[in-house]
Amino acid sequence: MRTDVEQSPGDSTTGLILREPLATDRAQAEAAQVELAAADFNFLLRGPDQTWEQWLDRVERDRAGADLAPGRVPATMLFAVVDDEIVGRVHIRHELTEALLEEGGHLGYGVRPDHRRRGHATQMLAQGLDVVRSLGVERALVTCDDDNPGSIRTIERCGGALEDKRSRDGGTLTRRYWIDLT
């Protein structure tokens, strides 16, 4: 079953667009993976033994909802691109499980370190929310760590209303925001 989602037309002020990963993105995507691994962030959500080709195939199957592992939901991986450079990524979960209701939500995003503080995160979240809306979701859940002021500002700029903060293993607090998409 293929679930089509609309690609973002982009933002005219920053030139940022969201698009599906391409075979030609390998070098930039793997560089982003290394950069963000230092902050314990898995940019590609790629398994340690997965080749690039296997990852691209998994991304397509995840989007279509095919051969999902237990507890997984259909999901869309989109790269945020400015002038042919990958500046970040957005990962959209088409529906929520009990676990995603606690932490993760409908949408996760990450910006490469050299591209932060340029408004990309806000554009990525706003455009990602358009994709979530195109899936028929009326209220999107977006979460972030309580000690991440950049993500807090980004989510609140995009209309996030804080529902609560929940403790995770290790004592870290997760902030849970709902964004009305109607």
N, C-alpha and C. Protein backbone atom coordinates (compact mmCIF):
# COMPACT_ATOMS: atom_id res chain seq x y z
N MET A 1 0.84 -1.18 0.00
CA MET A 1 0.00 0.00 0.00
C MET A 1 0.88 1.24 0.00
N ARG A 2 0.79 2.05 -1.00
CA ARG A 2 1.58 3.28 -1.09
C ARG A 2 0.76 4.43 -0.54
N THR A 3 1.37 5.21 0.37
CA THR A 3 0.72 6.39 0.92
C THR A 3 1.40 7.61 0.33
N ASP A 4 0.74 8.30 -0.56
CA ASP A 4 1.34 9.47 -1.17
C ASP A 4 1.19 10.67 -0.25
N VAL A 5 2.27 11.43 -0.13
CA VAL A 5 2.24 12.67 0.64
C VAL A 5 2.73 13.78 -0.28
N GLU A 6 2.18 14.94 -0.06
CA GLU A 6 2.58 16.08 -0.87
C GLU A 6 3.98 16.53 -0.47
N GLN A 7 4.79 16.84 -1.45
CA GLN A 7 6.10 17.41 -1.19
C GLN A 7 5.91 18.91 -0.98
N SER A 8 6.79 19.49 -0.22
CA SER A 8 6.69 20.90 0.08
C SER A 8 7.12 21.75 -1.11
N PRO A 9 6.36 22.81 -1.43
CA PRO A 9 6.77 23.69 -2.51
C PRO A 9 7.94 24.57 -2.13
N GLY A 10 8.25 24.64 -0.85
CA GLY A 10 9.39 25.44 -0.41
C GLY A 10 8.99 26.80 0.13
N ASP A 11 9.97 27.48 0.67
CA ASP A 11 9.77 28.79 1.25
C ASP A 11 10.52 29.80 0.40
N SER A 12 9.83 30.81 -0.08
CA SER A 12 10.46 31.77 -0.99
C SER A 12 11.50 32.65 -0.30
N THR A 13 11.44 32.79 1.02
CA THR A 13 12.41 33.66 1.70
C THR A 13 13.73 32.94 1.97
N THR A 14 13.69 31.65 2.28
CA THR A 14 14.93 30.93 2.56
C THR A 14 15.33 30.00 1.43
N GLY A 15 14.42 29.70 0.52
CA GLY A 15 14.70 28.77 -0.56
C GLY A 15 14.69 27.32 -0.11
N LEU A 16 14.25 27.05 1.11
CA LEU A 16 14.25 25.69 1.64
C LEU A 16 13.07 24.91 1.08
N ILE A 17 13.37 23.70 0.62
CA ILE A 17 12.32 22.77 0.18
C ILE A 17 12.52 21.45 0.91
N LEU A 18 11.43 20.73 1.09
CA LEU A 18 11.49 19.36 1.59
C LEU A 18 11.28 18.44 0.41
N ARG A 19 12.12 17.43 0.31
CA ARG A 19 11.98 16.46 -0.78
C ARG A 19 12.46 15.10 -0.32
N GLU A 20 12.06 14.07 -1.07
CA GLU A 20 12.48 12.71 -0.77
C GLU A 20 13.98 12.57 -0.99
N PRO A 21 14.62 11.66 -0.26
CA PRO A 21 16.03 11.37 -0.49
C PRO A 21 16.25 10.80 -1.90
N LEU A 22 17.38 11.15 -2.49
CA LEU A 22 17.75 10.67 -3.82
C LEU A 22 19.02 9.83 -3.71
N ALA A 23 19.24 8.96 -4.66
CA ALA A 23 20.45 8.15 -4.68
C ALA A 23 21.70 9.02 -4.66
N THR A 24 21.61 10.19 -5.29
CA THR A 24 22.76 11.10 -5.38
C THR A 24 23.03 11.88 -4.09
N ASP A 25 22.20 11.71 -3.08
CA ASP A 25 22.38 12.42 -1.80
C ASP A 25 23.35 11.73 -0.85
N ARG A 26 23.88 10.62 -1.23
CA ARG A 26 24.64 9.78 -0.29
C ARG A 26 25.73 10.54 0.46
N ALA A 27 26.62 11.22 -0.23
CA ALA A 27 27.76 11.87 0.42
C ALA A 27 27.29 12.91 1.44
N GLN A 28 26.36 13.76 1.04
CA GLN A 28 25.87 14.80 1.96
C GLN A 28 25.12 14.19 3.15
N ALA A 29 24.30 13.18 2.88
CA ALA A 29 23.51 12.57 3.95
C ALA A 29 24.42 11.85 4.94
N GLU A 30 25.41 11.16 4.45
CA GLU A 30 26.33 10.47 5.35
C GLU A 30 27.19 11.46 6.14
N ALA A 31 27.52 12.59 5.54
CA ALA A 31 28.24 13.64 6.28
C ALA A 31 27.36 14.19 7.39
N ALA A 32 26.09 14.41 7.09
CA ALA A 32 25.15 14.89 8.12
C ALA A 32 25.02 13.87 9.24
N GLN A 33 25.01 12.58 8.90
CA GLN A 33 24.92 11.53 9.91
C GLN A 33 26.10 11.62 10.88
N VAL A 34 27.30 11.80 10.34
CA VAL A 34 28.51 11.90 11.17
C VAL A 34 28.46 13.16 12.04
N GLU A 35 28.09 14.28 11.44
CA GLU A 35 28.04 15.55 12.19
C GLU A 35 27.09 15.46 13.38
N LEU A 36 25.93 14.89 13.17
CA LEU A 36 24.92 14.88 14.23
C LEU A 36 25.09 13.70 15.19
N ALA A 37 25.86 12.70 14.80
CA ALA A 37 26.13 11.59 15.72
C ALA A 37 26.87 12.08 16.96
N ALA A 38 27.65 13.14 16.80
CA ALA A 38 28.38 13.72 17.94
C ALA A 38 27.42 14.21 19.02
N ALA A 39 26.21 14.57 18.62
CA ALA A 39 25.18 15.02 19.57
C ALA A 39 24.18 13.88 19.86
N ASP A 40 24.57 12.66 19.53
CA ASP A 40 23.73 11.48 19.77
C ASP A 40 22.40 11.56 19.03
N PHE A 41 22.43 12.10 17.80
CA PHE A 41 21.24 12.23 16.95
C PHE A 41 21.46 11.40 15.70
N ASN A 42 20.58 10.45 15.44
CA ASN A 42 20.67 9.58 14.28
C ASN A 42 19.95 10.26 13.11
N PHE A 43 20.69 11.02 12.33
CA PHE A 43 20.13 11.82 11.24
C PHE A 43 19.35 10.96 10.26
N LEU A 44 19.92 9.83 9.86
CA LEU A 44 19.29 9.00 8.83
C LEU A 44 18.35 7.94 9.39
N LEU A 45 18.38 7.73 10.69
CA LEU A 45 17.62 6.62 11.29
C LEU A 45 17.98 5.33 10.56
N ARG A 46 19.26 5.18 10.29
CA ARG A 46 19.79 4.08 9.50
C ARG A 46 20.43 3.05 10.42
N GLY A 47 20.18 1.79 10.13
CA GLY A 47 20.81 0.72 10.88
C GLY A 47 22.30 0.66 10.64
N PRO A 48 23.08 0.15 11.60
CA PRO A 48 24.54 0.16 11.49
C PRO A 48 25.09 -0.66 10.33
N ASP A 49 24.39 -1.70 9.93
CA ASP A 49 24.89 -2.55 8.84
C ASP A 49 24.14 -2.33 7.53
N GLN A 50 23.33 -1.28 7.47
CA GLN A 50 22.52 -1.02 6.28
C GLN A 50 23.34 -0.25 5.24
N THR A 51 23.34 -0.74 4.00
CA THR A 51 23.99 0.01 2.93
C THR A 51 23.10 1.19 2.54
N TRP A 52 23.63 2.11 1.78
CA TRP A 52 22.87 3.27 1.31
C TRP A 52 21.66 2.80 0.48
N GLU A 53 21.88 1.83 -0.39
CA GLU A 53 20.81 1.33 -1.24
C GLU A 53 19.72 0.66 -0.40
N GLN A 54 20.12 -0.11 0.60
CA GLN A 54 19.15 -0.74 1.50
C GLN A 54 18.37 0.32 2.27
N TRP A 55 19.06 1.38 2.69
CA TRP A 55 18.39 2.46 3.41
C TRP A 55 17.35 3.14 2.51
N LEU A 56 17.72 3.46 1.28
CA LEU A 56 16.76 4.08 0.36
C LEU A 56 15.54 3.19 0.15
N ASP A 57 15.77 1.89 0.01
CA ASP A 57 14.66 0.95 -0.14
C ASP A 57 13.78 0.94 1.12
N ARG A 58 14.39 0.94 2.29
CA ARG A 58 13.64 0.95 3.56
C ARG A 58 12.81 2.24 3.68
N VAL A 59 13.39 3.38 3.28
CA VAL A 59 12.67 4.65 3.32
C VAL A 59 11.41 4.56 2.47
N GLU A 60 11.51 3.99 1.29
CA GLU A 60 10.35 3.86 0.41
C GLU A 60 9.32 2.90 1.00
N ARG A 61 9.79 1.78 1.55
CA ARG A 61 8.86 0.81 2.13
C ARG A 61 8.19 1.38 3.38
N ASP A 62 8.93 2.15 4.19
CA ASP A 62 8.33 2.79 5.36
C ASP A 62 7.22 3.75 4.93
N ARG A 63 7.48 4.52 3.89
CA ARG A 63 6.48 5.48 3.40
C ARG A 63 5.23 4.76 2.92
N ALA A 64 5.44 3.61 2.29
CA ALA A 64 4.30 2.84 1.79
C ALA A 64 3.64 1.99 2.88
N GLY A 65 4.28 1.90 4.04
CA GLY A 65 3.74 1.07 5.12
C GLY A 65 3.95 -0.41 4.88
N ALA A 66 4.94 -0.77 4.08
CA ALA A 66 5.20 -2.17 3.72
C ALA A 66 6.27 -2.79 4.62
N ASP A 67 6.02 -4.01 5.06
CA ASP A 67 7.01 -4.79 5.82
C ASP A 67 7.51 -4.05 7.07
N LEU A 68 6.59 -3.41 7.78
CA LEU A 68 6.98 -2.66 8.97
C LEU A 68 7.27 -3.61 10.14
N ALA A 69 8.30 -3.29 10.89
CA ALA A 69 8.62 -4.05 12.09
C ALA A 69 7.53 -3.79 13.13
N PRO A 70 7.36 -4.71 14.08
CA PRO A 70 6.36 -4.50 15.14
C PRO A 70 6.60 -3.16 15.85
N GLY A 71 5.51 -2.43 16.07
CA GLY A 71 5.59 -1.14 16.74
C GLY A 71 5.91 0.02 15.83
N ARG A 72 6.21 -0.25 14.57
CA ARG A 72 6.52 0.82 13.61
C ARG A 72 5.25 1.23 12.87
N VAL A 73 5.22 2.48 12.40
CA VAL A 73 4.10 3.00 11.63
C VAL A 73 4.61 3.51 10.29
N PRO A 74 3.74 3.66 9.30
CA PRO A 74 4.19 4.28 8.06
C PRO A 74 4.81 5.64 8.37
N ALA A 75 5.90 5.94 7.66
CA ALA A 75 6.64 7.17 7.93
C ALA A 75 7.30 7.68 6.66
N THR A 76 7.44 8.98 6.58
CA THR A 76 8.06 9.62 5.42
C THR A 76 9.31 10.38 5.85
N MET A 77 10.43 10.08 5.20
CA MET A 77 11.68 10.79 5.42
C MET A 77 11.84 11.82 4.31
N LEU A 78 12.05 13.07 4.69
CA LEU A 78 12.26 14.15 3.72
C LEU A 78 13.53 14.91 4.08
N PHE A 79 14.31 15.24 3.08
CA PHE A 79 15.48 16.08 3.29
C PHE A 79 15.10 17.53 3.08
N ALA A 80 15.65 18.39 3.93
CA ALA A 80 15.49 19.84 3.78
C ALA A 80 16.70 20.32 2.96
N VAL A 81 16.41 20.96 1.85
CA VAL A 81 17.46 21.32 0.91
C VAL A 81 17.38 22.81 0.60
N VAL A 82 18.54 23.45 0.61
CA VAL A 82 18.68 24.85 0.19
C VAL A 82 19.81 24.89 -0.83
N ASP A 83 19.52 25.39 -2.01
CA ASP A 83 20.54 25.48 -3.07
C ASP A 83 21.30 24.17 -3.26
N ASP A 84 20.58 23.07 -3.35
CA ASP A 84 21.13 21.73 -3.58
C ASP A 84 21.97 21.20 -2.43
N GLU A 85 21.91 21.85 -1.27
CA GLU A 85 22.64 21.36 -0.10
C GLU A 85 21.64 20.87 0.95
N ILE A 86 21.89 19.67 1.46
CA ILE A 86 21.05 19.13 2.53
C ILE A 86 21.41 19.87 3.82
N VAL A 87 20.41 20.58 4.36
CA VAL A 87 20.63 21.34 5.60
C VAL A 87 19.99 20.65 6.80
N GLY A 88 19.13 19.67 6.54
CA GLY A 88 18.46 18.96 7.62
C GLY A 88 17.54 17.90 7.07
N ARG A 89 16.77 17.33 8.00
CA ARG A 89 15.79 16.33 7.59
C ARG A 89 14.57 16.39 8.50
N VAL A 90 13.45 15.93 7.94
CA VAL A 90 12.19 15.83 8.66
C VAL A 90 11.73 14.39 8.53
N HIS A 91 11.31 13.79 9.64
CA HIS A 91 10.79 12.43 9.63
C HIS A 91 9.35 12.49 10.14
N ILE A 92 8.42 12.09 9.30
CA ILE A 92 6.99 12.22 9.59
C ILE A 92 6.38 10.85 9.82
N ARG A 93 5.78 10.68 11.00
CA ARG A 93 5.04 9.45 11.30
C ARG A 93 3.58 9.68 10.93
N HIS A 94 3.04 8.81 10.11
CA HIS A 94 1.69 8.99 9.57
C HIS A 94 0.60 8.77 10.61
N GLU A 95 0.93 8.07 11.67
CA GLU A 95 -0.01 7.83 12.77
C GLU A 95 0.80 7.65 14.04
N LEU A 96 0.11 7.59 15.17
CA LEU A 96 0.81 7.48 16.45
C LEU A 96 0.51 6.16 17.14
N THR A 97 1.54 5.59 17.74
CA THR A 97 1.40 4.45 18.64
C THR A 97 1.38 5.01 20.06
N GLU A 98 1.16 4.16 21.04
CA GLU A 98 1.23 4.61 22.43
C GLU A 98 2.61 5.18 22.74
N ALA A 99 3.65 4.54 22.23
CA ALA A 99 5.02 5.02 22.47
C ALA A 99 5.24 6.38 21.82
N LEU A 100 4.77 6.59 20.59
CA LEU A 100 4.93 7.88 19.93
C LEU A 100 4.11 8.97 20.59
N LEU A 101 3.02 8.59 21.26
CA LEU A 101 2.24 9.57 22.03
C LEU A 101 3.04 10.09 23.23
N GLU A 102 3.91 9.27 23.75
CA GLU A 102 4.74 9.68 24.89
C GLU A 102 5.92 10.51 24.42
N GLU A 103 6.60 10.02 23.40
CA GLU A 103 7.81 10.67 22.93
C GLU A 103 7.95 10.42 21.44
N GLY A 104 8.20 11.45 20.68
CA GLY A 104 8.39 11.31 19.24
C GLY A 104 7.35 12.06 18.45
N GLY A 105 6.08 11.79 18.71
CA GLY A 105 5.01 12.49 18.02
C GLY A 105 4.93 12.19 16.54
N HIS A 106 4.27 13.10 15.83
CA HIS A 106 4.07 12.94 14.39
C HIS A 106 5.30 13.30 13.58
N LEU A 107 6.16 14.15 14.14
CA LEU A 107 7.20 14.73 13.31
C LEU A 107 8.46 14.98 14.13
N GLY A 108 9.59 14.57 13.59
CA GLY A 108 10.88 14.87 14.18
C GLY A 108 11.76 15.53 13.13
N TYR A 109 12.66 16.38 13.56
CA TYR A 109 13.51 17.08 12.60
C TYR A 109 14.89 17.31 13.20
N GLY A 110 15.83 17.54 12.33
CA GLY A 110 17.19 17.86 12.76
C GLY A 110 17.85 18.74 11.72
N VAL A 111 18.62 19.72 12.19
CA VAL A 111 19.34 20.65 11.32
C VAL A 111 20.84 20.43 11.51
N ARG A 112 21.57 20.38 10.42
CA ARG A 112 23.02 20.21 10.49
C ARG A 112 23.63 21.40 11.22
N PRO A 113 24.65 21.17 12.03
CA PRO A 113 25.23 22.23 12.87
C PRO A 113 25.61 23.51 12.12
N ASP A 114 26.21 23.40 10.95
CA ASP A 114 26.62 24.60 10.20
C ASP A 114 25.45 25.39 9.61
N HIS A 115 24.24 24.87 9.74
CA HIS A 115 23.07 25.52 9.15
C HIS A 115 22.06 25.98 10.19
N ARG A 116 22.45 25.96 11.43
CA ARG A 116 21.55 26.37 12.50
C ARG A 116 21.51 27.88 12.62
N ARG A 117 20.44 28.36 13.28
CA ARG A 117 20.22 29.79 13.54
C ARG A 117 20.03 30.60 12.25
N ARG A 118 19.42 29.97 11.26
CA ARG A 118 19.11 30.64 9.98
C ARG A 118 17.63 30.54 9.65
N GLY A 119 16.84 30.01 10.58
CA GLY A 119 15.41 29.87 10.35
C GLY A 119 15.02 28.57 9.67
N HIS A 120 16.00 27.70 9.41
CA HIS A 120 15.69 26.46 8.71
C HIS A 120 14.78 25.54 9.52
N ALA A 121 15.03 25.43 10.82
CA ALA A 121 14.20 24.54 11.64
C ALA A 121 12.74 24.97 11.59
N THR A 122 12.49 26.26 11.69
CA THR A 122 11.10 26.75 11.64
C THR A 122 10.47 26.43 10.29
N GLN A 123 11.20 26.64 9.21
CA GLN A 123 10.67 26.33 7.89
C GLN A 123 10.45 24.82 7.72
N MET A 124 11.38 24.03 8.23
CA MET A 124 11.24 22.58 8.13
C MET A 124 10.01 22.10 8.88
N LEU A 125 9.82 22.61 10.09
CA LEU A 125 8.65 22.19 10.87
C LEU A 125 7.37 22.67 10.20
N ALA A 126 7.33 23.92 9.75
CA ALA A 126 6.12 24.44 9.11
C ALA A 126 5.77 23.63 7.86
N GLN A 127 6.76 23.36 7.02
CA GLN A 127 6.50 22.59 5.80
C GLN A 127 6.17 21.14 6.13
N GLY A 128 6.83 20.59 7.14
CA GLY A 128 6.52 19.23 7.57
C GLY A 128 5.10 19.11 8.08
N LEU A 129 4.64 20.13 8.79
CA LEU A 129 3.25 20.14 9.28
C LEU A 129 2.26 20.16 8.12
N ASP A 130 2.63 20.81 7.02
CA ASP A 130 1.77 20.77 5.82
C ASP A 130 1.64 19.35 5.30
N VAL A 131 2.74 18.60 5.34
CA VAL A 131 2.70 17.20 4.90
C VAL A 131 1.83 16.38 5.86
N VAL A 132 2.00 16.60 7.17
CA VAL A 132 1.18 15.89 8.15
C VAL A 132 -0.30 16.20 7.91
N ARG A 133 -0.62 17.46 7.64
CA ARG A 133 -2.01 17.86 7.34
C ARG A 133 -2.52 17.11 6.12
N SER A 134 -1.67 16.94 5.09
CA SER A 134 -2.11 16.26 3.87
C SER A 134 -2.42 14.78 4.12
N LEU A 135 -1.96 14.25 5.24
CA LEU A 135 -2.27 12.86 5.62
C LEU A 135 -3.61 12.75 6.33
N GLY A 136 -4.27 13.90 6.56
CA GLY A 136 -5.57 13.90 7.22
C GLY A 136 -5.49 14.10 8.72
N VAL A 137 -4.31 14.40 9.24
CA VAL A 137 -4.15 14.63 10.68
C VAL A 137 -4.64 16.04 11.00
N GLU A 138 -5.48 16.17 12.02
CA GLU A 138 -6.03 17.48 12.41
C GLU A 138 -5.27 18.13 13.55
N ARG A 139 -4.63 17.32 14.39
CA ARG A 139 -3.80 17.82 15.50
C ARG A 139 -2.51 17.03 15.50
N ALA A 140 -1.38 17.74 15.38
CA ALA A 140 -0.09 17.07 15.33
C ALA A 140 0.62 17.19 16.67
N LEU A 141 1.23 16.10 17.08
CA LEU A 141 2.04 16.07 18.29
C LEU A 141 3.50 16.21 17.90
N VAL A 142 4.18 17.18 18.53
CA VAL A 142 5.62 17.38 18.33
C VAL A 142 6.24 17.42 19.72
N THR A 143 7.33 16.69 19.91
CA THR A 143 7.97 16.65 21.22
C THR A 143 9.42 17.12 21.12
N CYS A 144 9.96 17.54 22.25
CA CYS A 144 11.38 17.89 22.32
C CYS A 144 11.84 17.78 23.76
N ASP A 145 13.13 17.71 23.95
CA ASP A 145 13.69 17.69 25.29
C ASP A 145 13.45 19.04 25.96
N ASP A 146 13.23 19.00 27.25
CA ASP A 146 12.96 20.21 28.03
C ASP A 146 14.17 21.14 28.07
N ASP A 147 15.36 20.62 27.82
CA ASP A 147 16.57 21.44 27.86
C ASP A 147 17.05 21.86 26.47
N ASN A 148 16.12 21.92 25.49
CA ASN A 148 16.46 22.29 24.12
C ASN A 148 15.72 23.58 23.75
N PRO A 149 16.28 24.74 24.13
CA PRO A 149 15.57 26.01 23.89
C PRO A 149 15.33 26.30 22.41
N GLY A 150 16.22 25.85 21.53
CA GLY A 150 16.02 26.09 20.10
C GLY A 150 14.77 25.39 19.59
N SER A 151 14.60 24.12 19.95
CA SER A 151 13.40 23.39 19.52
C SER A 151 12.15 23.93 20.19
N ILE A 152 12.26 24.33 21.44
CA ILE A 152 11.10 24.91 22.13
C ILE A 152 10.62 26.14 21.37
N ARG A 153 11.54 27.04 21.02
CA ARG A 153 11.16 28.25 20.27
C ARG A 153 10.57 27.90 18.91
N THR A 154 11.20 26.94 18.22
CA THR A 154 10.73 26.55 16.89
C THR A 154 9.30 26.02 16.96
N ILE A 155 9.05 25.12 17.88
CA ILE A 155 7.71 24.52 18.00
C ILE A 155 6.68 25.58 18.38
N GLU A 156 7.03 26.45 19.30
CA GLU A 156 6.09 27.50 19.71
C GLU A 156 5.84 28.49 18.58
N ARG A 157 6.86 28.81 17.77
CA ARG A 157 6.67 29.69 16.60
C ARG A 157 5.69 29.08 15.60
N CYS A 158 5.66 27.76 15.54
CA CYS A 158 4.78 27.07 14.59
C CYS A 158 3.42 26.74 15.20
N GLY A 159 3.09 27.35 16.32
CA GLY A 159 1.76 27.19 16.91
C GLY A 159 1.64 26.12 17.97
N GLY A 160 2.75 25.56 18.42
CA GLY A 160 2.70 24.50 19.42
C GLY A 160 2.17 24.99 20.75
N ALA A 161 1.21 24.26 21.30
CA ALA A 161 0.65 24.54 22.63
C ALA A 161 1.12 23.42 23.56
N LEU A 162 1.88 23.79 24.58
CA LEU A 162 2.43 22.81 25.50
C LEU A 162 1.32 22.12 26.27
N GLU A 163 1.27 20.78 26.16
CA GLU A 163 0.30 20.01 26.93
C GLU A 163 0.89 19.66 28.29
N ASP A 164 2.11 19.11 28.27
CA ASP A 164 2.75 18.73 29.53
C ASP A 164 4.21 18.40 29.30
N LYS A 165 4.89 18.06 30.39
CA LYS A 165 6.26 17.57 30.37
C LYS A 165 6.23 16.21 31.05
N ARG A 166 6.91 15.24 30.43
CA ARG A 166 6.91 13.89 30.97
C ARG A 166 8.35 13.42 31.16
N SER A 167 8.56 12.73 32.25
CA SER A 167 9.89 12.22 32.59
C SER A 167 10.17 10.93 31.82
N ARG A 168 11.38 10.84 31.27
CA ARG A 168 11.84 9.63 30.59
C ARG A 168 12.84 8.92 31.48
N ASP A 169 13.24 7.74 31.04
CA ASP A 169 14.31 7.03 31.74
C ASP A 169 15.52 7.95 31.84
N GLY A 170 16.15 7.96 32.98
CA GLY A 170 17.30 8.82 33.18
C GLY A 170 16.93 10.20 33.70
N GLY A 171 15.62 10.47 33.82
CA GLY A 171 15.18 11.73 34.39
C GLY A 171 15.02 12.88 33.42
N THR A 172 15.35 12.70 32.14
CA THR A 172 15.18 13.76 31.16
C THR A 172 13.69 14.04 30.97
N LEU A 173 13.35 15.31 30.88
CA LEU A 173 11.95 15.69 30.63
C LEU A 173 11.71 15.88 29.15
N THR A 174 10.57 15.37 28.68
CA THR A 174 10.13 15.58 27.30
C THR A 174 8.94 16.53 27.32
N ARG A 175 9.03 17.59 26.53
CA ARG A 175 7.91 18.52 26.37
C ARG A 175 7.04 18.01 25.23
N ARG A 176 5.72 17.99 25.45
CA ARG A 176 4.76 17.51 24.46
C ARG A 176 3.87 18.66 24.01
N TYR A 177 3.94 19.00 22.74
CA TYR A 177 3.19 20.10 22.15
C TYR A 177 2.18 19.56 21.14
N TRP A 178 0.99 20.17 21.13
CA TRP A 178 0.01 19.88 20.09
C TRP A 178 -0.12 21.10 19.20
N ILE A 179 -0.24 20.86 17.90
CA ILE A 179 -0.40 21.94 16.91
C ILE A 179 -1.67 21.65 16.12
N ASP A 180 -2.59 22.60 16.15
CA ASP A 180 -3.86 22.47 15.43
C ASP A 180 -3.60 22.67 13.93
N LEU A 181 -4.01 21.71 13.12
CA LEU A 181 -3.78 21.77 11.68
C LEU A 181 -5.04 22.06 10.88
N THR A 182 -6.16 22.36 11.57
CA THR A 182 -7.40 22.60 10.82
C THR A 182 -7.48 24.04 10.36
